[in-house]
Amino acid sequence: MQDRLAVTVLLLLALAAAWVVLADQVLGNGSSTALWSDALAGALLGAAVIIRLLVPRPAVLSMGTAWAAGVWLVAAPLVLGYTDDSANWPAVWHDVTLGFAVMIVATIGALAAREPG
């Protein structure tokens, strides 16, 4: 059961990594700041998945990296200031929503990878 959950977590994180990189082009979000921020967050998520595939134990490093990418997605609109323009609100909501989803999936992945006992 844990193996199936680990594969599901990695698949979801890999899909999130690809989506966060492509979303600005697909959805037409206009901010170049959001575009670069999302590209870096997607690269970080992709790195987390690769780390987890190459080093199966411990999962803390890879899931922590994914969790950090999720935190960045939530914080980036405020930190980088692209909440100032109402035209960027779709990008803001996208990043915040995806960031929380990534944090939840990474937390599940870290908890599932813990050794019993």
PDB file of N, CA and C in Angstrom:
ATOM      1  N   MET A   1       0.821  -1.202   0.000  1.00  0.00           N
ATOM      2  CA  MET A   1       0.000   0.000   0.000  1.00  0.00           C
ATOM      3  C   MET A   1       0.859   1.258   0.000  1.00  0.00           C
ATOM      4  N   GLN A   2       1.941   1.255   0.804  1.00  0.00           N
ATOM      5  CA  GLN A   2       2.797   2.433   0.854  1.00  0.00           C
ATOM      6  C   GLN A   2       3.481   2.674  -0.478  1.00  0.00           C
ATOM      7  N   ASP A   3       3.834   1.607  -1.206  1.00  0.00           N
ATOM      8  CA  ASP A   3       4.470   1.783  -2.512  1.00  0.00           C
ATOM      9  C   ASP A   3       3.514   2.447  -3.492  1.00  0.00           C
ATOM     10  N   ARG A   4       2.259   2.038  -3.468  1.00  0.00           N
ATOM     11  CA  ARG A   4       1.262   2.632  -4.357  1.00  0.00           C
ATOM     12  C   ARG A   4       1.054   4.113  -4.017  1.00  0.00           C
ATOM     13  N   LEU A   5       1.020   4.415  -2.736  1.00  0.00           N
ATOM     14  CA  LEU A   5       0.870   5.801  -2.306  1.00  0.00           C
ATOM     15  C   LEU A   5       2.093   6.622  -2.707  1.00  0.00           C
ATOM     16  N   ALA A   6       3.289   6.073  -2.551  1.00  0.00           N
ATOM     17  CA  ALA A   6       4.515   6.785  -2.930  1.00  0.00           C
ATOM     18  C   ALA A   6       4.525   7.084  -4.427  1.00  0.00           C
ATOM     19  N   VAL A   7       4.104   6.124  -5.234  1.00  0.00           N
ATOM     20  CA  VAL A   7       4.044   6.337  -6.682  1.00  0.00           C
ATOM     21  C   VAL A   7       3.014   7.407  -7.021  1.00  0.00           C
ATOM     22  N   THR A   8       1.870   7.373  -6.348  1.00  0.00           N
ATOM     23  CA  THR A   8       0.825   8.371  -6.576  1.00  0.00           C
ATOM     24  C   THR A   8       1.318   9.770  -6.209  1.00  0.00           C
ATOM     25  N   VAL A   9       2.003   9.878  -5.075  1.00  0.00           N
ATOM     26  CA  VAL A   9       2.544  11.166  -4.648  1.00  0.00           C
ATOM     27  C   VAL A   9       3.538  11.684  -5.680  1.00  0.00           C
ATOM     28  N   LEU A  10       4.454  10.825  -6.121  1.00  0.00           N
ATOM     29  CA  LEU A  10       5.442  11.254  -7.113  1.00  0.00           C
ATOM     30  C   LEU A  10       4.785  11.652  -8.425  1.00  0.00           C
ATOM     31  N   LEU A  11       3.785  10.906  -8.838  1.00  0.00           N
ATOM     32  CA  LEU A  11       3.073  11.239 -10.068  1.00  0.00           C
ATOM     33  C   LEU A  11       2.380  12.593  -9.945  1.00  0.00           C
ATOM     34  N   LEU A  12       1.706  12.821  -8.832  1.00  0.00           N
ATOM     35  CA  LEU A  12       1.027  14.104  -8.625  1.00  0.00           C
ATOM     36  C   LEU A  12       2.019  15.266  -8.583  1.00  0.00           C
ATOM     37  N   LEU A  13       3.154  15.052  -7.931  1.00  0.00           N
ATOM     38  CA  LEU A  13       4.159  16.115  -7.871  1.00  0.00           C
ATOM     39  C   LEU A  13       4.790  16.370  -9.243  1.00  0.00           C
ATOM     40  N   ALA A  14       5.010  15.305 -10.016  1.00  0.00           N
ATOM     41  CA  ALA A  14       5.557  15.476 -11.370  1.00  0.00           C
ATOM     42  C   ALA A  14       4.567  16.224 -12.254  1.00  0.00           C
ATOM     43  N   LEU A  15       3.282  15.885 -12.143  1.00  0.00           N
ATOM     44  CA  LEU A  15       2.259  16.607 -12.910  1.00  0.00           C
ATOM     45  C   LEU A  15       2.175  18.070 -12.478  1.00  0.00           C
ATOM     46  N   ALA A  16       2.273  18.315 -11.175  1.00  0.00           N
ATOM     47  CA  ALA A  16       2.250  19.693 -10.677  1.00  0.00           C
ATOM     48  C   ALA A  16       3.454  20.471 -11.194  1.00  0.00           C
ATOM     49  N   ALA A  17       4.617  19.811 -11.238  1.00  0.00           N
ATOM     50  CA  ALA A  17       5.829  20.472 -11.746  1.00  0.00           C
ATOM     51  C   ALA A  17       5.645  20.874 -13.203  1.00  0.00           C
ATOM     52  N   ALA A  18       5.131  19.957 -14.002  1.00  0.00           N
ATOM     53  CA  ALA A  18       4.914  20.260 -15.421  1.00  0.00           C
ATOM     54  C   ALA A  18       3.853  21.351 -15.577  1.00  0.00           C
ATOM     55  N   TRP A  19       2.771  21.241 -14.809  1.00  0.00           N
ATOM     56  CA  TRP A  19       1.688  22.205 -14.932  1.00  0.00           C
ATOM     57  C   TRP A  19       2.123  23.605 -14.525  1.00  0.00           C
ATOM     58  N   VAL A  20       2.858  23.723 -13.427  1.00  0.00           N
ATOM     59  CA  VAL A  20       3.232  25.055 -12.962  1.00  0.00           C
ATOM     60  C   VAL A  20       4.146  25.753 -13.967  1.00  0.00           C
ATOM     61  N   VAL A  21       4.935  24.979 -14.693  1.00  0.00           N
ATOM     62  CA  VAL A  21       5.801  25.566 -15.719  1.00  0.00           C
ATOM     63  C   VAL A  21       4.976  25.995 -16.937  1.00  0.00           C
ATOM     64  N   LEU A  22       3.994  25.182 -17.324  1.00  0.00           N
ATOM     65  CA  LEU A  22       3.226  25.446 -18.541  1.00  0.00           C
ATOM     66  C   LEU A  22       1.988  26.320 -18.335  1.00  0.00           C
ATOM     67  N   ALA A  23       1.533  26.441 -17.099  1.00  0.00           N
ATOM     68  CA  ALA A  23       0.239  27.083 -16.837  1.00  0.00           C
ATOM     69  C   ALA A  23       0.168  28.522 -17.323  1.00  0.00           C
ATOM     70  N   ASP A  24       1.231  29.275 -17.143  1.00  0.00           N
ATOM     71  CA  ASP A  24       1.177  30.680 -17.559  1.00  0.00           C
ATOM     72  C   ASP A  24       0.982  30.816 -19.066  1.00  0.00           C
ATOM     73  N   GLN A  25       1.584  29.923 -19.837  1.00  0.00           N
ATOM     74  CA  GLN A  25       1.387  29.967 -21.282  1.00  0.00           C
ATOM     75  C   GLN A  25      -0.016  29.480 -21.656  1.00  0.00           C
ATOM     76  N   VAL A  26      -0.478  28.415 -21.002  1.00  0.00           N
ATOM     77  CA  VAL A  26      -1.782  27.840 -21.317  1.00  0.00           C
ATOM     78  C   VAL A  26      -2.916  28.790 -20.905  1.00  0.00           C
ATOM     79  N   LEU A  27      -2.801  29.357 -19.708  1.00  0.00           N
ATOM     80  CA  LEU A  27      -3.859  30.212 -19.184  1.00  0.00           C
ATOM     81  C   LEU A  27      -3.721  31.667 -19.609  1.00  0.00           C
ATOM     82  N   GLY A  28      -2.566  32.021 -20.147  1.00  0.00           N
ATOM     83  CA  GLY A  28      -2.350  33.376 -20.617  1.00  0.00           C
ATOM     84  C   GLY A  28      -2.158  34.398 -19.519  1.00  0.00           C
ATOM     85  N   ASN A  29      -1.628  33.975 -18.376  1.00  0.00           N
ATOM     86  CA  ASN A  29      -1.343  34.927 -17.305  1.00  0.00           C
ATOM     87  C   ASN A  29      -0.224  35.856 -17.749  1.00  0.00           C
ATOM     88  N   GLY A  30      -0.431  37.167 -17.571  1.00  0.00           N
ATOM     89  CA  GLY A  30       0.422  38.147 -18.199  1.00  0.00           C
ATOM     90  C   GLY A  30       1.710  38.533 -17.509  1.00  0.00           C
ATOM     91  N   SER A  31       1.874  38.282 -16.234  1.00  0.00           N
ATOM     92  CA  SER A  31       3.023  38.796 -15.517  1.00  0.00           C
ATOM     93  C   SER A  31       4.284  37.990 -15.811  1.00  0.00           C
ATOM     94  N   SER A  32       5.329  38.671 -16.265  1.00  0.00           N
ATOM     95  CA  SER A  32       6.598  37.967 -16.511  1.00  0.00           C
ATOM     96  C   SER A  32       7.231  37.550 -15.192  1.00  0.00           C
ATOM     97  N   THR A  33       6.961  38.300 -14.129  1.00  0.00           N
ATOM     98  CA  THR A  33       7.464  37.922 -12.803  1.00  0.00           C
ATOM     99  C   THR A  33       6.838  36.602 -12.373  1.00  0.00           C
ATOM    100  N   ALA A  34       5.525  36.467 -12.564  1.00  0.00           N
ATOM    101  CA  ALA A  34       4.843  35.223 -12.222  1.00  0.00           C
ATOM    102  C   ALA A  34       5.354  34.080 -13.085  1.00  0.00           C
ATOM    103  N   LEU A  35       5.610  34.364 -14.342  1.00  0.00           N
ATOM    104  CA  LEU A  35       6.122  33.334 -15.253  1.00  0.00           C
ATOM    105  C   LEU A  35       7.444  32.773 -14.757  1.00  0.00           C
ATOM    106  N   TRP A  36       8.388  33.637 -14.415  1.00  0.00           N
ATOM    107  CA  TRP A  36       9.697  33.168 -13.942  1.00  0.00           C
ATOM    108  C   TRP A  36       9.601  32.502 -12.583  1.00  0.00           C
ATOM    109  N   SER A  37       8.769  33.035 -11.721  1.00  0.00           N
ATOM    110  CA  SER A  37       8.582  32.425 -10.409  1.00  0.00           C
ATOM    111  C   SER A  37       8.024  31.015 -10.550  1.00  0.00           C
ATOM    112  N   ASP A  38       7.032  30.861 -11.412  1.00  0.00           N
ATOM    113  CA  ASP A  38       6.437  29.537 -11.628  1.00  0.00           C
ATOM    114  C   ASP A  38       7.417  28.578 -12.285  1.00  0.00           C
ATOM    115  N   ALA A  39       8.228  29.074 -13.205  1.00  0.00           N
ATOM    116  CA  ALA A  39       9.230  28.216 -13.843  1.00  0.00           C
ATOM    117  C   ALA A  39      10.233  27.702 -12.813  1.00  0.00           C
ATOM    118  N   LEU A  40      10.661  28.568 -11.905  1.00  0.00           N
ATOM    119  CA  LEU A  40      11.599  28.140 -10.864  1.00  0.00           C
ATOM    120  C   LEU A  40      10.944  27.168  -9.883  1.00  0.00           C
ATOM    121  N   ALA A  41       9.692  27.426  -9.520  1.00  0.00           N
ATOM    122  CA  ALA A  41       8.980  26.511  -8.622  1.00  0.00           C
ATOM    123  C   ALA A  41       8.777  25.151  -9.287  1.00  0.00           C
ATOM    124  N   GLY A  42       8.466  25.153 -10.576  1.00  0.00           N
ATOM    125  CA  GLY A  42       8.321  23.891 -11.310  1.00  0.00           C
ATOM    126  C   GLY A  42       9.627  23.127 -11.383  1.00  0.00           C
ATOM    127  N   ALA A  43      10.725  23.844 -11.587  1.00  0.00           N
ATOM    128  CA  ALA A  43      12.041  23.189 -11.603  1.00  0.00           C
ATOM    129  C   ALA A  43      12.365  22.594 -10.238  1.00  0.00           C
ATOM    130  N   LEU A  44      12.024  23.303  -9.173  1.00  0.00           N
ATOM    131  CA  LEU A  44      12.253  22.798  -7.824  1.00  0.00           C
ATOM    132  C   LEU A  44      11.412  21.556  -7.558  1.00  0.00           C
ATOM    133  N   LEU A  45      10.158  21.579  -8.001  1.00  0.00           N
ATOM    134  CA  LEU A  45       9.304  20.389  -7.848  1.00  0.00           C
ATOM    135  C   LEU A  45       9.848  19.215  -8.656  1.00  0.00           C
ATOM    136  N   GLY A  46      10.278  19.493  -9.877  1.00  0.00           N
ATOM    137  CA  GLY A  46      10.870  18.439 -10.700  1.00  0.00           C
ATOM    138  C   GLY A  46      12.108  17.857 -10.046  1.00  0.00           C
ATOM    139  N   ALA A  47      12.929  18.720  -9.450  1.00  0.00           N
ATOM    140  CA  ALA A  47      14.120  18.250  -8.738  1.00  0.00           C
ATOM    141  C   ALA A  47      13.732  17.370  -7.553  1.00  0.00           C
ATOM    142  N   ALA A  48      12.660  17.731  -6.854  1.00  0.00           N
ATOM    143  CA  ALA A  48      12.192  16.919  -5.720  1.00  0.00           C
ATOM    144  C   ALA A  48      11.796  15.514  -6.181  1.00  0.00           C
ATOM    145  N   VAL A  49      11.110  15.445  -7.313  1.00  0.00           N
ATOM    146  CA  VAL A  49      10.701  14.139  -7.846  1.00  0.00           C
ATOM    147  C   VAL A  49      11.930  13.327  -8.246  1.00  0.00           C
ATOM    148  N   ILE A  50      12.889  13.962  -8.903  1.00  0.00           N
ATOM    149  CA  ILE A  50      14.103  13.261  -9.324  1.00  0.00           C
ATOM    150  C   ILE A  50      14.901  12.787  -8.112  1.00  0.00           C
ATOM    151  N   ILE A  51      15.009  13.638  -7.088  1.00  0.00           N
ATOM    152  CA  ILE A  51      15.705  13.237  -5.864  1.00  0.00           C
ATOM    153  C   ILE A  51      15.045  12.004  -5.266  1.00  0.00           C
ATOM    154  N   ARG A  52      13.723  12.020  -5.206  1.00  0.00           N
ATOM    155  CA  ARG A  52      12.980  10.894  -4.614  1.00  0.00           C
ATOM    156  C   ARG A  52      13.165   9.623  -5.425  1.00  0.00           C
ATOM    157  N   LEU A  53      13.256   9.745  -6.742  1.00  0.00           N
ATOM    158  CA  LEU A  53      13.464   8.567  -7.583  1.00  0.00           C
ATOM    159  C   LEU A  53      14.881   8.014  -7.438  1.00  0.00           C
ATOM    160  N   LEU A  54      15.859   8.892  -7.310  1.00  0.00           N
ATOM    161  CA  LEU A  54      17.252   8.457  -7.225  1.00  0.00           C
ATOM    162  C   LEU A  54      17.653   8.013  -5.824  1.00  0.00           C
ATOM    163  N   VAL A  55      17.080   8.638  -4.811  1.00  0.00           N
ATOM    164  CA  VAL A  55      17.406   8.313  -3.422  1.00  0.00           C
ATOM    165  C   VAL A  55      16.099   7.995  -2.700  1.00  0.00           C
ATOM    166  N   PRO A  56      15.658   6.736  -2.779  1.00  0.00           N
ATOM    167  CA  PRO A  56      14.353   6.396  -2.214  1.00  0.00           C
ATOM    168  C   PRO A  56      14.229   6.665  -0.712  1.00  0.00           C
ATOM    169  N   ARG A  57      15.295   6.506   0.026  1.00  0.00           N
ATOM    170  CA  ARG A  57      15.259   6.773   1.466  1.00  0.00           C
ATOM    171  C   ARG A  57      16.372   7.714   1.816  1.00  0.00           C
ATOM    172  N   PRO A  58      16.222   8.680   2.625  1.00  0.00           N
ATOM    173  CA  PRO A  58      14.969   9.111   3.238  1.00  0.00           C
ATOM    174  C   PRO A  58      14.186  10.041   2.313  1.00  0.00           C
ATOM    175  N   ALA A  59      12.899  10.020   2.475  1.00  0.00           N
ATOM    176  CA  ALA A  59      12.019  10.838   1.642  1.00  0.00           C
ATOM    177  C   ALA A  59      11.911  12.264   2.170  1.00  0.00           C
ATOM    178  N   VAL A  60      12.479  12.517   3.333  1.00  0.00           N
ATOM    179  CA  VAL A  60      12.343  13.824   3.953  1.00  0.00           C
ATOM    180  C   VAL A  60      12.930  14.921   3.063  1.00  0.00           C
ATOM    181  N   LEU A  61      14.084  14.665   2.461  1.00  0.00           N
ATOM    182  CA  LEU A  61      14.719  15.672   1.614  1.00  0.00           C
ATOM    183  C   LEU A  61      13.850  16.022   0.413  1.00  0.00           C
ATOM    184  N   SER A  62      13.382  15.020  -0.292  1.00  0.00           N
ATOM    185  CA  SER A  62      12.594  15.296  -1.495  1.00  0.00           C
ATOM    186  C   SER A  62      11.224  15.882  -1.164  1.00  0.00           C
ATOM    187  N   MET A  63      10.572  15.360  -0.139  1.00  0.00           N
ATOM    188  CA  MET A  63       9.259  15.894   0.220  1.00  0.00           C
ATOM    189  C   MET A  63       9.397  17.277   0.854  1.00  0.00           C
ATOM    190  N   GLY A  64      10.484  17.502   1.567  1.00  0.00           N
ATOM    191  CA  GLY A  64      10.748  18.835   2.108  1.00  0.00           C
ATOM    192  C   GLY A  64      10.995  19.845   0.999  1.00  0.00           C
ATOM    193  N   THR A  65      11.700  19.417  -0.043  1.00  0.00           N
ATOM    194  CA  THR A  65      11.940  20.276  -1.200  1.00  0.00           C
ATOM    195  C   THR A  65      10.627  20.602  -1.902  1.00  0.00           C
ATOM    196  N   ALA A  66       9.786  19.600  -2.078  1.00  0.00           N
ATOM    197  CA  ALA A  66       8.478  19.824  -2.697  1.00  0.00           C
ATOM    198  C   ALA A  66       7.625  20.747  -1.831  1.00  0.00           C
ATOM    199  N   TRP A  67       7.675  20.541  -0.523  1.00  0.00           N
ATOM    200  CA  TRP A  67       6.898  21.386   0.391  1.00  0.00           C
ATOM    201  C   TRP A  67       7.373  22.825   0.293  1.00  0.00           C
ATOM    202  N   ALA A  68       8.691  23.027   0.209  1.00  0.00           N
ATOM    203  CA  ALA A  68       9.252  24.376   0.068  1.00  0.00           C
ATOM    204  C   ALA A  68       8.781  25.034  -1.232  1.00  0.00           C
ATOM    205  N   ALA A  69       8.698  24.265  -2.301  1.00  0.00           N
ATOM    206  CA  ALA A  69       8.182  24.805  -3.563  1.00  0.00           C
ATOM    207  C   ALA A  69       6.727  25.227  -3.405  1.00  0.00           C
ATOM    208  N   GLY A  70       5.950  24.437  -2.668  1.00  0.00           N
ATOM    209  CA  GLY A  70       4.562  24.804  -2.398  1.00  0.00           C
ATOM    210  C   GLY A  70       4.447  26.084  -1.586  1.00  0.00           C
ATOM    211  N   VAL A  71       5.296  26.210  -0.580  1.00  0.00           N
ATOM    212  CA  VAL A  71       5.310  27.433   0.230  1.00  0.00           C
ATOM    213  C   VAL A  71       5.662  28.634  -0.648  1.00  0.00           C
ATOM    214  N   TRP A  72       6.651  28.443  -1.543  1.00  0.00           N
ATOM    215  CA  TRP A  72       7.028  29.544  -2.429  1.00  0.00           C
ATOM    216  C   TRP A  72       5.873  29.936  -3.339  1.00  0.00           C
ATOM    217  N   LEU A  73       5.150  28.957  -3.874  1.00  0.00           N
ATOM    218  CA  LEU A  73       4.019  29.274  -4.743  1.00  0.00           C
ATOM    219  C   LEU A  73       2.961  30.093  -3.999  1.00  0.00           C
ATOM    220  N   VAL A  74       2.751  29.774  -2.728  1.00  0.00           N
ATOM    221  CA  VAL A  74       1.775  30.526  -1.935  1.00  0.00           C
ATOM    222  C   VAL A  74       2.296  31.934  -1.637  1.00  0.00           C
ATOM    223  N   ALA A  75       3.571  32.047  -1.316  1.00  0.00           N
ATOM    224  CA  ALA A  75       4.139  33.328  -0.889  1.00  0.00           C
ATOM    225  C   ALA A  75       4.538  34.246  -2.046  1.00  0.00           C
ATOM    226  N   ALA A  76       4.870  33.670  -3.194  1.00  0.00           N
ATOM    227  CA  ALA A  76       5.430  34.453  -4.304  1.00  0.00           C
ATOM    228  C   ALA A  76       4.584  35.649  -4.734  1.00  0.00           C
ATOM    229  N   PRO A  77       3.266  35.520  -4.844  1.00  0.00           N
ATOM    230  CA  PRO A  77       2.497  36.694  -5.264  1.00  0.00           C
ATOM    231  C   PRO A  77       2.679  37.895  -4.337  1.00  0.00           C
ATOM    232  N   LEU A  78       2.784  37.637  -3.041  1.00  0.00           N
ATOM    233  CA  LEU A  78       2.980  38.730  -2.093  1.00  0.00           C
ATOM    234  C   LEU A  78       4.421  39.211  -2.092  1.00  0.00           C
ATOM    235  N   VAL A  79       5.354  38.274  -2.101  1.00  0.00           N
ATOM    236  CA  VAL A  79       6.775  38.624  -2.036  1.00  0.00           C
ATOM    237  C   VAL A  79       7.206  39.386  -3.294  1.00  0.00           C
ATOM    238  N   LEU A  80       6.766  38.919  -4.443  1.00  0.00           N
ATOM    239  CA  LEU A  80       7.175  39.532  -5.708  1.00  0.00           C
ATOM    240  C   LEU A  80       6.262  40.670  -6.151  1.00  0.00           C
ATOM    241  N   GLY A  81       5.135  40.839  -5.467  1.00  0.00           N
ATOM    242  CA  GLY A  81       4.282  41.990  -5.704  1.00  0.00           C
ATOM    243  C   GLY A  81       3.413  41.931  -6.940  1.00  0.00           C
ATOM    244  N   TYR A  82       3.124  40.747  -7.464  1.00  0.00           N
ATOM    245  CA  TYR A  82       2.234  40.744  -8.618  1.00  0.00           C
ATOM    246  C   TYR A  82       0.772  40.633  -8.224  1.00  0.00           C
ATOM    247  N   THR A  83       0.467  40.917  -6.952  1.00  0.00           N
ATOM    248  CA  THR A  83      -0.923  41.053  -6.523  1.00  0.00           C
ATOM    249  C   THR A  83      -1.420  42.477  -6.748  1.00  0.00           C
ATOM    250  N   ASP A  84      -0.513  43.395  -7.067  1.00  0.00           N
ATOM    251  CA  ASP A  84      -0.874  44.805  -7.215  1.00  0.00           C
ATOM    252  C   ASP A  84      -1.770  45.076  -8.416  1.00  0.00           C
ATOM    253  N   ASP A  85      -1.609  44.303  -9.464  1.00  0.00           N
ATOM    254  CA  ASP A  85      -2.369  44.518 -10.693  1.00  0.00           C
ATOM    255  C   ASP A  85      -3.524  43.519 -10.749  1.00  0.00           C
ATOM    256  N   SER A  86      -4.743  44.002 -10.879  1.00  0.00           N
ATOM    257  CA  SER A  86      -5.905  43.106 -10.890  1.00  0.00           C
ATOM    258  C   SER A  86      -5.879  42.139 -12.076  1.00  0.00           C
ATOM    259  N   ALA A  87      -5.151  42.476 -13.133  1.00  0.00           N
ATOM    260  CA  ALA A  87      -5.036  41.567 -14.274  1.00  0.00           C
ATOM    261  C   ALA A  87      -4.255  40.297 -13.907  1.00  0.00           C
ATOM    262  N   ASN A  88      -3.484  40.359 -12.825  1.00  0.00           N
ATOM    263  CA  ASN A  88      -2.687  39.205 -12.408  1.00  0.00           C
ATOM    264  C   ASN A  88      -3.402  38.297 -11.406  1.00  0.00           C
ATOM    265  N   TRP A  89      -4.636  38.650 -11.022  1.00  0.00           N
ATOM    266  CA  TRP A  89      -5.319  37.845 -10.010  1.00  0.00           C
ATOM    267  C   TRP A  89      -5.526  36.387 -10.414  1.00  0.00           C
ATOM    268  N   PRO A  90      -5.783  36.065 -11.674  1.00  0.00           N
ATOM    269  CA  PRO A  90      -5.847  34.635 -12.015  1.00  0.00           C
ATOM    270  C   PRO A  90      -4.524  33.906 -11.712  1.00  0.00           C
ATOM    271  N   ALA A  91      -3.407  34.561 -11.982  1.00  0.00           N
ATOM    272  CA  ALA A  91      -2.101  33.959 -11.678  1.00  0.00           C
ATOM    273  C   ALA A  91      -1.916  33.818 -10.172  1.00  0.00           C
ATOM    274  N   VAL A  92      -2.372  34.804  -9.424  1.00  0.00           N
ATOM    275  CA  VAL A  92      -2.250  34.750  -7.967  1.00  0.00           C
ATOM    276  C   VAL A  92      -3.043  33.573  -7.415  1.00  0.00           C
ATOM    277  N   TRP A  93      -4.311  33.470  -7.818  1.00  0.00           N
ATOM    278  CA  TRP A  93      -5.141  32.369  -7.320  1.00  0.00           C
ATOM    279  C   TRP A  93      -4.612  31.019  -7.768  1.00  0.00           C
ATOM    280  N   HIS A  94      -4.116  30.949  -8.975  1.00  0.00           N
ATOM    281  CA  HIS A  94      -3.529  29.704  -9.471  1.00  0.00           C
ATOM    282  C   HIS A  94      -2.346  29.298  -8.604  1.00  0.00           C
ATOM    283  N   ASP A  95      -1.435  30.222  -8.359  1.00  0.00           N
ATOM    284  CA  ASP A  95      -0.240  29.899  -7.578  1.00  0.00           C
ATOM    285  C   ASP A  95      -0.584  29.507  -6.146  1.00  0.00           C
ATOM    286  N   VAL A  96      -1.473  30.251  -5.525  1.00  0.00           N
ATOM    287  CA  VAL A  96      -1.836  29.966  -4.134  1.00  0.00           C
ATOM    288  C   VAL A  96      -2.532  28.603  -4.027  1.00  0.00           C
ATOM    289  N   THR A  97      -3.471  28.350  -4.909  1.00  0.00           N
ATOM    290  CA  THR A  97      -4.194  27.075  -4.883  1.00  0.00           C
ATOM    291  C   THR A  97      -3.259  25.904  -5.149  1.00  0.00           C
ATOM    292  N   LEU A  98      -2.444  26.024  -6.177  1.00  0.00           N
ATOM    293  CA  LEU A  98      -1.502  24.948  -6.499  1.00  0.00           C
ATOM    294  C   LEU A  98      -0.471  24.783  -5.390  1.00  0.00           C
ATOM    295  N   GLY A  99      -0.040  25.879  -4.795  1.00  0.00           N
ATOM    296  CA  GLY A  99       0.934  25.802  -3.699  1.00  0.00           C
ATOM    297  C   GLY A  99       0.397  25.020  -2.516  1.00  0.00           C
ATOM    298  N   PHE A 100      -0.848  25.300  -2.120  1.00  0.00           N
ATOM    299  CA  PHE A 100      -1.439  24.551  -1.017  1.00  0.00           C
ATOM    300  C   PHE A 100      -1.611  23.077  -1.378  1.00  0.00           C
ATOM    301  N   ALA A 101      -1.999  22.792  -2.609  1.00  0.00           N
ATOM    302  CA  ALA A 101      -2.147  21.390  -3.040  1.00  0.00           C
ATOM    303  C   ALA A 101      -0.804  20.669  -2.989  1.00  0.00           C
ATOM    304  N   VAL A 102       0.248  21.324  -3.449  1.00  0.00           N
ATOM    305  CA  VAL A 102       1.588  20.708  -3.417  1.00  0.00           C
ATOM    306  C   VAL A 102       2.018  20.462  -1.979  1.00  0.00           C
ATOM    307  N   MET A 103       1.752  21.412  -1.090  1.00  0.00           N
ATOM    308  CA  MET A 103       2.119  21.229   0.315  1.00  0.00           C
ATOM    309  C   MET A 103       1.379  20.040   0.930  1.00  0.00           C
ATOM    310  N   ILE A 104       0.117  19.879   0.594  1.00  0.00           N
ATOM    311  CA  ILE A 104      -0.664  18.754   1.121  1.00  0.00           C
ATOM    312  C   ILE A 104      -0.112  17.434   0.589  1.00  0.00           C
ATOM    313  N   VAL A 105       0.135  17.354  -0.712  1.00  0.00           N
ATOM    314  CA  VAL A 105       0.651  16.116  -1.313  1.00  0.00           C
ATOM    315  C   VAL A 105       2.034  15.787  -0.757  1.00  0.00           C
ATOM    316  N   ALA A 106       2.898  16.791  -0.605  1.00  0.00           N
ATOM    317  CA  ALA A 106       4.241  16.549  -0.057  1.00  0.00           C
ATOM    318  C   ALA A 106       4.168  16.082   1.395  1.00  0.00           C
ATOM    319  N   THR A 107       3.243  16.629   2.151  1.00  0.00           N
ATOM    320  CA  THR A 107       3.074  16.196   3.539  1.00  0.00           C
ATOM    321  C   THR A 107       2.612  14.748   3.585  1.00  0.00           C
ATOM    322  N   ILE A 108       1.663  14.392   2.750  1.00  0.00           N
ATOM    323  CA  ILE A 108       1.205  12.998   2.679  1.00  0.00           C
ATOM    324  C   ILE A 108       2.355  12.085   2.280  1.00  0.00           C
ATOM    325  N   GLY A 109       3.159  12.510   1.300  1.00  0.00           N
ATOM    326  CA  GLY A 109       4.306  11.712   0.882  1.00  0.00           C
ATOM    327  C   GLY A 109       5.320  11.524   1.987  1.00  0.00           C
ATOM    328  N   ALA A 110       5.588  12.562   2.758  1.00  0.00           N
ATOM    329  CA  ALA A 110       6.546  12.453   3.863  1.00  0.00           C
ATOM    330  C   ALA A 110       6.014  11.549   4.966  1.00  0.00           C
ATOM    331  N   LEU A 111       4.724  11.700   5.289  1.00  0.00           N
ATOM    332  CA  LEU A 111       4.129  10.860   6.329  1.00  0.00           C
ATOM    333  C   LEU A 111       4.058   9.398   5.908  1.00  0.00           C
ATOM    334  N   ALA A 112       3.764   9.160   4.643  1.00  0.00           N
ATOM    335  CA  ALA A 112       3.669   7.789   4.156  1.00  0.00           C
ATOM    336  C   ALA A 112       5.027   7.104   4.099  1.00  0.00           C
ATOM    337  N   ALA A 113       6.092   7.888   3.957  1.00  0.00           N
ATOM    338  CA  ALA A 113       7.433   7.317   3.823  1.00  0.00           C
ATOM    339  C   ALA A 113       8.075   7.014   5.182  1.00  0.00           C
ATOM    340  N   ARG A 114       7.442   7.458   6.252  1.00  0.00           N
ATOM    341  CA  ARG A 114       8.003   7.204   7.586  1.00  0.00           C
ATOM    342  C   ARG A 114       8.049   5.706   7.861  1.00  0.00           C
ATOM    343  N   GLU A 115       9.102   5.319   8.538  1.00  0.00           N
ATOM    344  CA  GLU A 115       9.221   3.918   8.952  1.00  0.00           C
ATOM    345  C   GLU A 115       8.244   3.642  10.068  1.00  0.00           C
ATOM    346  N   PRO A 116       7.534   2.503  10.020  1.00  0.00           N
ATOM    347  CA  PRO A 116       6.604   2.191  11.113  1.00  0.00           C
ATOM    348  C   PRO A 116       7.356   1.926  12.417  1.00  0.00           C
ATOM    349  N   GLY A 117       6.724   2.347  13.506  1.00  0.00           N
ATOM    350  CA  GLY A 117       7.283   2.038  14.812  1.00  0.00           C
ATOM    351  C   GLY A 117       8.011   3.072  15.476  1.00  0.00           C
TER     352      GLY A 117
END
